[in-house]
Amino acid sequence: MTVIDDTYFLSMYSLKDKPVISSEVADFLENTAREYGPYDKFILNIYSDTIWDEDKSVYRKAVHNYYSLKISDLHQQMRQKLFVAATFMLIGLAGLVIMAIYQRFYSLELWNQLIQIFSWVFIWESLHIFFIDRRPIFIANKRYVSLANMDINYFKLTKDKKNDQQSQ
C-alpha cells in the first residue's frame, strides 16, 4: 500500500483514545484481501514518506480497532441469526405437536396437511438459517480477524537524499 498523504488515513470521527481507519482505507484493505482465502495471514506493507514514527503505533491501533468493531458487528449478526433459527425451530416443532394432537382428536385431513406444511416450512427455514446463512458470516469473521491481527510494516517511499548523494 502506498500512502502519499496520510491526512485521511484515520476516520474524521474517531474517538481520541480509540482511533479507527477511514472507510476509504478499509475499502482498499478489504478489496485487496478478497483475492486471498479467509484463513490466510495478512501482512500490510505501507510505503510512505509522510508517516512518522509516532503515527505508526496509532495507525496499527486504528486498523485493529476498526476490524475489532467489524468483528463485534458480525458476532451480533450471528446471535440474531441463532435466535431467529431457534425461534423458527420451536414454532415448527410446536406446529407438529399441534398437528399430532389435532389429528388424534379431529379427522379433518385438510387442516392436518396445512399444519404439517406450516411446520415443515418453519423447520426448513430454521435449518437454512443455521447451516447456510451463517457461512458467509463465518468467512467474513475469519477475514476480519486476519485483518485485525495482520502485521504492518512501514517502508520509506523514496530513498534518503543522503544515500542518493553518497551513491553518486
N, C-alpha and C. Protein backbone atom coordinates (compact mmCIF):
# COMPACT_ATOMS: atom_id res chain seq x y z
N MET A 1 0.86 -1.17 0.00
CA MET A 1 0.00 0.00 0.00
C MET A 1 0.90 1.23 0.00
N THR A 2 0.63 2.12 -0.91
CA THR A 2 1.39 3.36 -0.98
C THR A 2 0.53 4.49 -0.43
N VAL A 3 1.10 5.24 0.50
CA VAL A 3 0.40 6.36 1.12
C VAL A 3 1.18 7.63 0.79
N ILE A 4 0.62 8.45 -0.07
CA ILE A 4 1.26 9.71 -0.44
C ILE A 4 0.95 10.78 0.60
N ASP A 5 -0.29 10.78 1.05
CA ASP A 5 -0.75 11.76 2.05
C ASP A 5 -1.58 11.01 3.08
N ASP A 6 -1.16 11.02 4.33
CA ASP A 6 -1.86 10.25 5.36
C ASP A 6 -2.91 11.08 6.11
N THR A 7 -3.29 12.22 5.55
CA THR A 7 -4.26 13.08 6.21
C THR A 7 -5.57 12.36 6.50
N TYR A 8 -6.01 11.54 5.56
CA TYR A 8 -7.30 10.86 5.71
C TYR A 8 -7.14 9.37 6.01
N PHE A 9 -6.01 8.97 6.55
CA PHE A 9 -5.80 7.58 6.91
C PHE A 9 -6.74 7.20 8.05
N LEU A 10 -6.88 8.09 9.03
CA LEU A 10 -7.80 7.87 10.14
C LEU A 10 -9.15 8.48 9.83
N SER A 11 -10.19 7.88 10.36
CA SER A 11 -11.52 8.44 10.20
C SER A 11 -11.60 9.78 10.92
N MET A 12 -12.33 10.71 10.32
CA MET A 12 -12.51 12.02 10.96
C MET A 12 -13.36 11.90 12.22
N TYR A 13 -14.03 10.77 12.39
CA TYR A 13 -14.95 10.60 13.50
C TYR A 13 -14.43 9.63 14.56
N SER A 14 -13.14 9.44 14.58
CA SER A 14 -12.54 8.55 15.57
C SER A 14 -12.55 9.21 16.94
N LEU A 15 -12.72 8.37 17.95
CA LEU A 15 -12.53 8.85 19.31
C LEU A 15 -11.03 9.01 19.55
N LYS A 16 -10.66 9.91 20.42
CA LYS A 16 -9.24 10.18 20.63
C LYS A 16 -8.49 8.95 21.15
N ASP A 17 -9.10 8.22 22.08
CA ASP A 17 -8.43 7.07 22.67
C ASP A 17 -8.70 5.77 21.90
N LYS A 18 -9.56 5.83 20.88
CA LYS A 18 -9.87 4.63 20.10
C LYS A 18 -9.98 5.00 18.62
N PRO A 19 -8.84 5.27 18.00
CA PRO A 19 -8.89 5.67 16.58
C PRO A 19 -9.28 4.49 15.69
N VAL A 20 -9.90 4.79 14.57
CA VAL A 20 -10.21 3.80 13.55
C VAL A 20 -9.80 4.35 12.19
N ILE A 21 -9.53 3.45 11.27
CA ILE A 21 -9.14 3.87 9.93
C ILE A 21 -10.35 4.42 9.18
N SER A 22 -10.10 5.19 8.16
CA SER A 22 -11.19 5.73 7.36
C SER A 22 -11.82 4.62 6.53
N SER A 23 -13.03 4.87 6.08
CA SER A 23 -13.72 3.86 5.28
C SER A 23 -13.02 3.65 3.94
N GLU A 24 -12.35 4.66 3.43
CA GLU A 24 -11.62 4.52 2.17
C GLU A 24 -10.44 3.55 2.33
N VAL A 25 -9.72 3.67 3.44
CA VAL A 25 -8.62 2.75 3.71
C VAL A 25 -9.15 1.34 3.94
N ALA A 26 -10.24 1.24 4.68
CA ALA A 26 -10.84 -0.07 4.93
C ALA A 26 -11.30 -0.73 3.64
N ASP A 27 -11.91 0.05 2.76
CA ASP A 27 -12.34 -0.50 1.46
C ASP A 27 -11.15 -1.03 0.67
N PHE A 28 -10.07 -0.27 0.68
CA PHE A 28 -8.87 -0.72 -0.02
C PHE A 28 -8.36 -2.03 0.55
N LEU A 29 -8.27 -2.11 1.87
CA LEU A 29 -7.75 -3.33 2.51
C LEU A 29 -8.66 -4.53 2.25
N GLU A 30 -9.96 -4.33 2.34
CA GLU A 30 -10.90 -5.43 2.13
C GLU A 30 -10.92 -5.88 0.67
N ASN A 31 -10.85 -4.93 -0.26
CA ASN A 31 -10.81 -5.30 -1.68
C ASN A 31 -9.52 -6.04 -2.01
N THR A 32 -8.43 -5.64 -1.41
CA THR A 32 -7.17 -6.33 -1.63
C THR A 32 -7.19 -7.72 -1.01
N ALA A 33 -7.82 -7.87 0.14
CA ALA A 33 -7.86 -9.14 0.85
C ALA A 33 -8.77 -10.16 0.17
N ARG A 34 -9.68 -9.72 -0.69
CA ARG A 34 -10.62 -10.64 -1.33
C ARG A 34 -9.95 -11.69 -2.19
N GLU A 35 -8.79 -11.37 -2.72
CA GLU A 35 -8.14 -12.35 -3.60
C GLU A 35 -7.44 -13.45 -2.81
N TYR A 36 -7.45 -13.37 -1.49
CA TYR A 36 -6.85 -14.39 -0.65
C TYR A 36 -7.95 -15.12 0.12
N GLY A 37 -7.61 -16.27 0.63
CA GLY A 37 -8.58 -17.03 1.41
C GLY A 37 -8.81 -16.41 2.77
N PRO A 38 -9.93 -16.75 3.41
CA PRO A 38 -10.25 -16.15 4.71
C PRO A 38 -9.32 -16.59 5.83
N TYR A 39 -8.62 -17.70 5.64
CA TYR A 39 -7.74 -18.19 6.69
C TYR A 39 -6.29 -17.76 6.49
N ASP A 40 -6.02 -17.03 5.41
CA ASP A 40 -4.66 -16.57 5.15
C ASP A 40 -4.25 -15.48 6.13
N LYS A 41 -2.97 -15.48 6.47
CA LYS A 41 -2.43 -14.44 7.34
C LYS A 41 -2.01 -13.27 6.44
N PHE A 42 -2.39 -12.07 6.84
CA PHE A 42 -2.08 -10.89 6.03
C PHE A 42 -0.92 -10.13 6.62
N ILE A 43 -0.15 -9.53 5.73
CA ILE A 43 0.92 -8.61 6.11
C ILE A 43 0.72 -7.36 5.27
N LEU A 44 0.62 -6.23 5.93
CA LEU A 44 0.43 -4.97 5.23
C LEU A 44 1.75 -4.22 5.19
N ASN A 45 2.25 -3.97 4.00
CA ASN A 45 3.45 -3.17 3.81
C ASN A 45 3.02 -1.79 3.33
N ILE A 46 3.32 -0.78 4.13
CA ILE A 46 2.94 0.59 3.79
C ILE A 46 4.20 1.34 3.37
N TYR A 47 4.15 1.89 2.18
CA TYR A 47 5.25 2.68 1.65
C TYR A 47 4.82 4.14 1.70
N SER A 48 5.56 4.93 2.48
CA SER A 48 5.19 6.33 2.65
C SER A 48 6.35 7.14 3.19
N ASP A 49 6.36 8.41 2.79
CA ASP A 49 7.32 9.36 3.36
C ASP A 49 6.64 10.30 4.35
N THR A 50 5.35 10.16 4.52
CA THR A 50 4.60 11.10 5.36
C THR A 50 4.18 10.52 6.71
N ILE A 51 4.42 9.25 6.94
CA ILE A 51 4.02 8.64 8.21
C ILE A 51 5.24 8.65 9.14
N TRP A 52 5.09 9.33 10.26
CA TRP A 52 6.18 9.46 11.23
C TRP A 52 6.13 8.31 12.22
N ASP A 53 7.22 8.11 12.93
CA ASP A 53 7.32 7.00 13.89
C ASP A 53 6.23 7.04 14.94
N GLU A 54 5.89 8.23 15.43
CA GLU A 54 4.84 8.32 16.47
C GLU A 54 3.45 8.00 15.91
N ASP A 55 3.28 8.12 14.60
CA ASP A 55 1.99 7.79 13.97
C ASP A 55 1.83 6.30 13.74
N LYS A 56 2.91 5.58 13.62
CA LYS A 56 2.85 4.16 13.25
C LYS A 56 2.04 3.34 14.25
N SER A 57 2.27 3.56 15.53
CA SER A 57 1.52 2.79 16.53
C SER A 57 0.04 3.18 16.54
N VAL A 58 -0.25 4.45 16.26
CA VAL A 58 -1.64 4.90 16.19
C VAL A 58 -2.33 4.24 15.02
N TYR A 59 -1.65 4.13 13.89
CA TYR A 59 -2.25 3.52 12.71
C TYR A 59 -2.44 2.02 12.90
N ARG A 60 -1.49 1.36 13.57
CA ARG A 60 -1.67 -0.07 13.88
C ARG A 60 -2.92 -0.27 14.74
N LYS A 61 -3.01 0.59 15.75
CA LYS A 61 -4.16 0.50 16.66
C LYS A 61 -5.46 0.81 15.92
N ALA A 62 -5.43 1.76 15.00
CA ALA A 62 -6.64 2.14 14.26
C ALA A 62 -7.12 0.99 13.38
N VAL A 63 -6.20 0.30 12.73
CA VAL A 63 -6.58 -0.86 11.91
C VAL A 63 -7.20 -1.93 12.80
N HIS A 64 -6.54 -2.20 13.91
CA HIS A 64 -7.04 -3.22 14.84
C HIS A 64 -8.43 -2.82 15.39
N ASN A 65 -8.58 -1.59 15.79
CA ASN A 65 -9.86 -1.13 16.34
C ASN A 65 -10.98 -1.21 15.31
N TYR A 66 -10.69 -0.82 14.09
CA TYR A 66 -11.71 -0.84 13.04
C TYR A 66 -12.22 -2.27 12.83
N TYR A 67 -11.31 -3.20 12.70
CA TYR A 67 -11.73 -4.58 12.43
C TYR A 67 -12.27 -5.27 13.68
N SER A 68 -11.87 -4.83 14.84
CA SER A 68 -12.49 -5.35 16.07
C SER A 68 -13.96 -4.95 16.14
N LEU A 69 -14.26 -3.73 15.72
CA LEU A 69 -15.66 -3.29 15.67
C LEU A 69 -16.45 -4.10 14.63
N LYS A 70 -15.84 -4.37 13.49
CA LYS A 70 -16.49 -5.19 12.47
C LYS A 70 -16.77 -6.60 13.00
N ILE A 71 -15.81 -7.16 13.74
CA ILE A 71 -15.98 -8.49 14.32
C ILE A 71 -17.13 -8.48 15.33
N SER A 72 -17.21 -7.43 16.12
CA SER A 72 -18.32 -7.31 17.08
C SER A 72 -19.66 -7.26 16.36
N ASP A 73 -19.72 -6.52 15.25
CA ASP A 73 -20.96 -6.47 14.47
C ASP A 73 -21.33 -7.85 13.94
N LEU A 74 -20.34 -8.60 13.45
CA LEU A 74 -20.62 -9.94 12.94
C LEU A 74 -21.10 -10.87 14.04
N HIS A 75 -20.53 -10.74 15.23
CA HIS A 75 -20.98 -11.58 16.35
C HIS A 75 -22.43 -11.25 16.71
N GLN A 76 -22.80 -9.96 16.61
CA GLN A 76 -24.18 -9.57 16.86
C GLN A 76 -25.10 -10.18 15.80
N GLN A 77 -24.68 -10.15 14.53
CA GLN A 77 -25.47 -10.76 13.47
C GLN A 77 -25.63 -12.26 13.70
N MET A 78 -24.55 -12.90 14.15
CA MET A 78 -24.59 -14.34 14.41
C MET A 78 -25.59 -14.66 15.52
N ARG A 79 -25.57 -13.87 16.58
CA ARG A 79 -26.52 -14.09 17.68
C ARG A 79 -27.96 -13.90 17.20
N GLN A 80 -28.19 -12.89 16.37
CA GLN A 80 -29.54 -12.66 15.84
C GLN A 80 -29.99 -13.83 14.97
N LYS A 81 -29.11 -14.33 14.12
CA LYS A 81 -29.47 -15.45 13.26
C LYS A 81 -29.75 -16.70 14.10
N LEU A 82 -28.96 -16.94 15.13
CA LEU A 82 -29.20 -18.09 16.00
C LEU A 82 -30.54 -17.97 16.71
N PHE A 83 -30.87 -16.77 17.15
CA PHE A 83 -32.15 -16.55 17.82
C PHE A 83 -33.31 -16.82 16.86
N VAL A 84 -33.21 -16.29 15.65
CA VAL A 84 -34.27 -16.50 14.65
C VAL A 84 -34.39 -17.98 14.31
N ALA A 85 -33.24 -18.65 14.12
CA ALA A 85 -33.26 -20.08 13.79
C ALA A 85 -33.91 -20.88 14.91
N ALA A 86 -33.55 -20.58 16.15
CA ALA A 86 -34.13 -21.31 17.29
C ALA A 86 -35.64 -21.03 17.40
N THR A 87 -36.03 -19.79 17.18
CA THR A 87 -37.46 -19.44 17.24
C THR A 87 -38.24 -20.17 16.17
N PHE A 88 -37.71 -20.17 14.94
CA PHE A 88 -38.39 -20.88 13.85
C PHE A 88 -38.49 -22.37 14.13
N MET A 89 -37.43 -22.94 14.69
CA MET A 89 -37.45 -24.37 15.01
C MET A 89 -38.53 -24.66 16.05
N LEU A 90 -38.61 -23.83 17.07
CA LEU A 90 -39.64 -24.03 18.10
C LEU A 90 -41.05 -23.89 17.52
N ILE A 91 -41.24 -22.91 16.64
CA ILE A 91 -42.55 -22.74 16.01
C ILE A 91 -42.89 -23.97 15.17
N GLY A 92 -41.92 -24.45 14.40
CA GLY A 92 -42.15 -25.63 13.57
C GLY A 92 -42.45 -26.87 14.40
N LEU A 93 -41.69 -27.07 15.47
CA LEU A 93 -41.94 -28.23 16.33
C LEU A 93 -43.28 -28.11 17.05
N ALA A 94 -43.61 -26.90 17.48
CA ALA A 94 -44.91 -26.69 18.12
C ALA A 94 -46.04 -27.01 17.14
N GLY A 95 -45.85 -26.63 15.89
CA GLY A 95 -46.85 -26.93 14.87
C GLY A 95 -47.01 -28.43 14.69
N LEU A 96 -45.92 -29.17 14.69
CA LEU A 96 -46.01 -30.63 14.56
C LEU A 96 -46.73 -31.26 15.75
N VAL A 97 -46.47 -30.72 16.94
CA VAL A 97 -47.16 -31.21 18.13
C VAL A 97 -48.66 -30.91 18.03
N ILE A 98 -48.99 -29.70 17.61
CA ILE A 98 -50.40 -29.33 17.44
C ILE A 98 -51.05 -30.24 16.40
N MET A 99 -50.31 -30.51 15.32
CA MET A 99 -50.84 -31.38 14.28
C MET A 99 -51.13 -32.78 14.84
N ALA A 100 -50.20 -33.30 15.64
CA ALA A 100 -50.38 -34.63 16.20
C ALA A 100 -51.60 -34.67 17.13
N ILE A 101 -51.73 -33.65 17.95
CA ILE A 101 -52.88 -33.58 18.86
C ILE A 101 -54.17 -33.42 18.07
N TYR A 102 -54.15 -32.53 17.09
CA TYR A 102 -55.34 -32.28 16.27
C TYR A 102 -55.74 -33.54 15.50
N GLN A 103 -54.74 -34.25 14.99
CA GLN A 103 -55.01 -35.47 14.22
C GLN A 103 -55.63 -36.54 15.10
N ARG A 104 -55.23 -36.57 16.35
CA ARG A 104 -55.75 -37.60 17.27
C ARG A 104 -57.23 -37.37 17.59
N PHE A 105 -57.62 -36.09 17.73
CA PHE A 105 -58.98 -35.79 18.15
C PHE A 105 -59.92 -35.42 17.00
N TYR A 106 -59.38 -34.89 15.93
CA TYR A 106 -60.22 -34.48 14.80
C TYR A 106 -59.69 -35.15 13.55
N SER A 107 -60.53 -35.43 12.65
CA SER A 107 -60.10 -36.17 11.46
C SER A 107 -60.17 -35.33 10.18
N LEU A 108 -60.03 -34.03 10.29
CA LEU A 108 -60.04 -33.19 9.09
C LEU A 108 -58.63 -33.21 8.47
N GLU A 109 -58.51 -33.94 7.40
CA GLU A 109 -57.20 -34.15 6.76
C GLU A 109 -56.64 -32.84 6.20
N LEU A 110 -57.49 -31.95 5.72
CA LEU A 110 -57.03 -30.68 5.16
C LEU A 110 -56.29 -29.86 6.20
N TRP A 111 -56.85 -29.73 7.40
CA TRP A 111 -56.18 -28.97 8.46
C TRP A 111 -54.87 -29.64 8.88
N ASN A 112 -54.87 -30.96 8.93
CA ASN A 112 -53.64 -31.66 9.28
C ASN A 112 -52.54 -31.37 8.25
N GLN A 113 -52.90 -31.38 6.97
CA GLN A 113 -51.91 -31.11 5.92
C GLN A 113 -51.42 -29.66 5.99
N LEU A 114 -52.33 -28.73 6.23
CA LEU A 114 -51.93 -27.32 6.34
C LEU A 114 -50.98 -27.09 7.52
N ILE A 115 -51.30 -27.66 8.64
CA ILE A 115 -50.44 -27.51 9.82
C ILE A 115 -49.09 -28.17 9.58
N GLN A 116 -49.11 -29.33 8.93
CA GLN A 116 -47.86 -30.03 8.65
C GLN A 116 -46.97 -29.20 7.70
N ILE A 117 -47.55 -28.66 6.65
CA ILE A 117 -46.78 -27.82 5.72
C ILE A 117 -46.23 -26.60 6.43
N PHE A 118 -47.07 -25.94 7.21
CA PHE A 118 -46.65 -24.78 8.00
C PHE A 118 -45.45 -25.15 8.89
N SER A 119 -45.53 -26.25 9.56
CA SER A 119 -44.47 -26.68 10.48
C SER A 119 -43.17 -26.98 9.74
N TRP A 120 -43.27 -27.72 8.65
CA TRP A 120 -42.06 -28.09 7.91
C TRP A 120 -41.40 -26.87 7.28
N VAL A 121 -42.17 -25.89 6.86
CA VAL A 121 -41.58 -24.66 6.31
C VAL A 121 -40.75 -23.96 7.39
N PHE A 122 -41.29 -23.85 8.59
CA PHE A 122 -40.54 -23.22 9.67
C PHE A 122 -39.30 -24.02 10.05
N ILE A 123 -39.41 -25.33 10.09
CA ILE A 123 -38.25 -26.17 10.41
C ILE A 123 -37.20 -26.04 9.32
N TRP A 124 -37.62 -26.08 8.06
CA TRP A 124 -36.66 -25.93 6.96
C TRP A 124 -35.96 -24.57 7.02
N GLU A 125 -36.72 -23.52 7.24
CA GLU A 125 -36.12 -22.18 7.29
C GLU A 125 -35.15 -22.07 8.47
N SER A 126 -35.48 -22.70 9.56
CA SER A 126 -34.57 -22.72 10.70
C SER A 126 -33.25 -23.39 10.35
N LEU A 127 -33.32 -24.52 9.68
CA LEU A 127 -32.09 -25.23 9.26
C LEU A 127 -31.33 -24.44 8.21
N HIS A 128 -32.06 -23.79 7.32
CA HIS A 128 -31.43 -22.96 6.30
C HIS A 128 -30.64 -21.81 6.93
N ILE A 129 -31.25 -21.14 7.88
CA ILE A 129 -30.57 -20.04 8.57
C ILE A 129 -29.35 -20.57 9.32
N PHE A 130 -29.54 -21.68 10.04
CA PHE A 130 -28.47 -22.20 10.88
C PHE A 130 -27.27 -22.71 10.07
N PHE A 131 -27.52 -23.43 9.00
CA PHE A 131 -26.43 -24.05 8.27
C PHE A 131 -25.96 -23.28 7.05
N ILE A 132 -26.83 -22.52 6.40
CA ILE A 132 -26.46 -21.88 5.14
C ILE A 132 -26.22 -20.37 5.31
N ASP A 133 -27.12 -19.68 5.98
CA ASP A 133 -26.98 -18.23 6.11
C ASP A 133 -25.82 -17.80 7.00
N ARG A 134 -25.38 -18.66 7.88
CA ARG A 134 -24.28 -18.29 8.78
C ARG A 134 -22.91 -18.43 8.13
N ARG A 135 -22.79 -19.21 7.07
CA ARG A 135 -21.48 -19.44 6.45
C ARG A 135 -20.79 -18.15 5.98
N PRO A 136 -21.49 -17.26 5.26
CA PRO A 136 -20.82 -16.02 4.88
C PRO A 136 -20.36 -15.18 6.07
N ILE A 137 -21.10 -15.26 7.16
CA ILE A 137 -20.70 -14.53 8.36
C ILE A 137 -19.43 -15.14 8.95
N PHE A 138 -19.34 -16.47 8.97
CA PHE A 138 -18.12 -17.13 9.44
C PHE A 138 -16.91 -16.73 8.59
N ILE A 139 -17.10 -16.72 7.28
CA ILE A 139 -16.00 -16.36 6.37
C ILE A 139 -15.58 -14.91 6.60
N ALA A 140 -16.54 -14.01 6.68
CA ALA A 140 -16.22 -12.60 6.93
C ALA A 140 -15.53 -12.44 8.27
N ASN A 141 -15.97 -13.19 9.28
CA ASN A 141 -15.35 -13.12 10.60
C ASN A 141 -13.88 -13.54 10.53
N LYS A 142 -13.59 -14.64 9.85
CA LYS A 142 -12.20 -15.10 9.73
C LYS A 142 -11.36 -14.05 9.01
N ARG A 143 -11.91 -13.46 7.95
CA ARG A 143 -11.16 -12.43 7.21
C ARG A 143 -10.91 -11.21 8.08
N TYR A 144 -11.92 -10.77 8.84
CA TYR A 144 -11.74 -9.60 9.70
C TYR A 144 -10.76 -9.88 10.84
N VAL A 145 -10.77 -11.10 11.36
CA VAL A 145 -9.79 -11.47 12.39
C VAL A 145 -8.38 -11.39 11.81
N SER A 146 -8.22 -11.89 10.58
CA SER A 146 -6.91 -11.82 9.93
C SER A 146 -6.49 -10.38 9.68
N LEU A 147 -7.43 -9.54 9.27
CA LEU A 147 -7.11 -8.13 9.03
C LEU A 147 -6.82 -7.40 10.34
N ALA A 148 -7.55 -7.73 11.38
CA ALA A 148 -7.32 -7.07 12.68
C ALA A 148 -5.96 -7.42 13.27
N ASN A 149 -5.49 -8.63 12.99
CA ASN A 149 -4.24 -9.10 13.59
C ASN A 149 -3.06 -9.09 12.62
N MET A 150 -3.23 -8.48 11.45
CA MET A 150 -2.14 -8.52 10.47
C MET A 150 -0.95 -7.69 10.93
N ASP A 151 0.21 -8.13 10.49
CA ASP A 151 1.44 -7.37 10.75
C ASP A 151 1.47 -6.19 9.80
N ILE A 152 1.92 -5.05 10.32
CA ILE A 152 2.02 -3.85 9.49
C ILE A 152 3.47 -3.40 9.50
N ASN A 153 4.04 -3.32 8.31
CA ASN A 153 5.42 -2.89 8.14
C ASN A 153 5.43 -1.56 7.40
N TYR A 154 6.32 -0.68 7.81
CA TYR A 154 6.42 0.64 7.19
C TYR A 154 7.76 0.75 6.47
N PHE A 155 7.71 1.28 5.26
CA PHE A 155 8.91 1.48 4.46
C PHE A 155 8.88 2.88 3.87
N LYS A 156 10.07 3.44 3.67
CA LYS A 156 10.18 4.73 3.00
C LYS A 156 9.79 4.58 1.54
N LEU A 157 9.06 5.53 1.04
CA LEU A 157 8.64 5.51 -0.35
C LEU A 157 9.79 5.90 -1.26
N THR A 158 10.55 6.91 -0.84
CA THR A 158 11.71 7.35 -1.61
C THR A 158 12.97 7.12 -0.78
N LYS A 159 14.08 7.02 -1.47
CA LYS A 159 15.35 6.86 -0.77
C LYS A 159 15.74 8.17 -0.13
N ASP A 160 16.52 8.07 0.95
CA ASP A 160 17.02 9.29 1.60
C ASP A 160 17.93 10.03 0.63
N LYS A 161 17.91 11.37 0.72
CA LYS A 161 18.75 12.18 -0.15
C LYS A 161 20.22 11.95 0.15
N LYS A 162 20.56 11.71 1.41
CA LYS A 162 21.96 11.44 1.79
C LYS A 162 22.46 10.18 1.11
N ASN A 163 21.62 9.13 1.11
CA ASN A 163 22.02 7.89 0.46
C ASN A 163 22.17 8.06 -1.04
N ASP A 164 21.29 8.91 -1.64
CA ASP A 164 21.38 9.17 -3.07
C ASP A 164 22.68 9.90 -3.41
N GLN A 165 23.05 10.86 -2.57
CA GLN A 165 24.26 11.64 -2.83
C GLN A 165 25.51 10.79 -2.64
N GLN A 166 25.48 9.89 -1.65
CA GLN A 166 26.63 9.03 -1.41
C GLN A 166 26.83 8.03 -2.54
N SER A 167 25.77 7.58 -3.13
CA SER A 167 25.88 6.58 -4.20
C SER A 167 26.34 7.20 -5.51
N GLN A 168 26.27 8.55 -5.63
CA GLN A 168 26.72 9.20 -6.87
C GLN A 168 28.15 9.43 -6.89
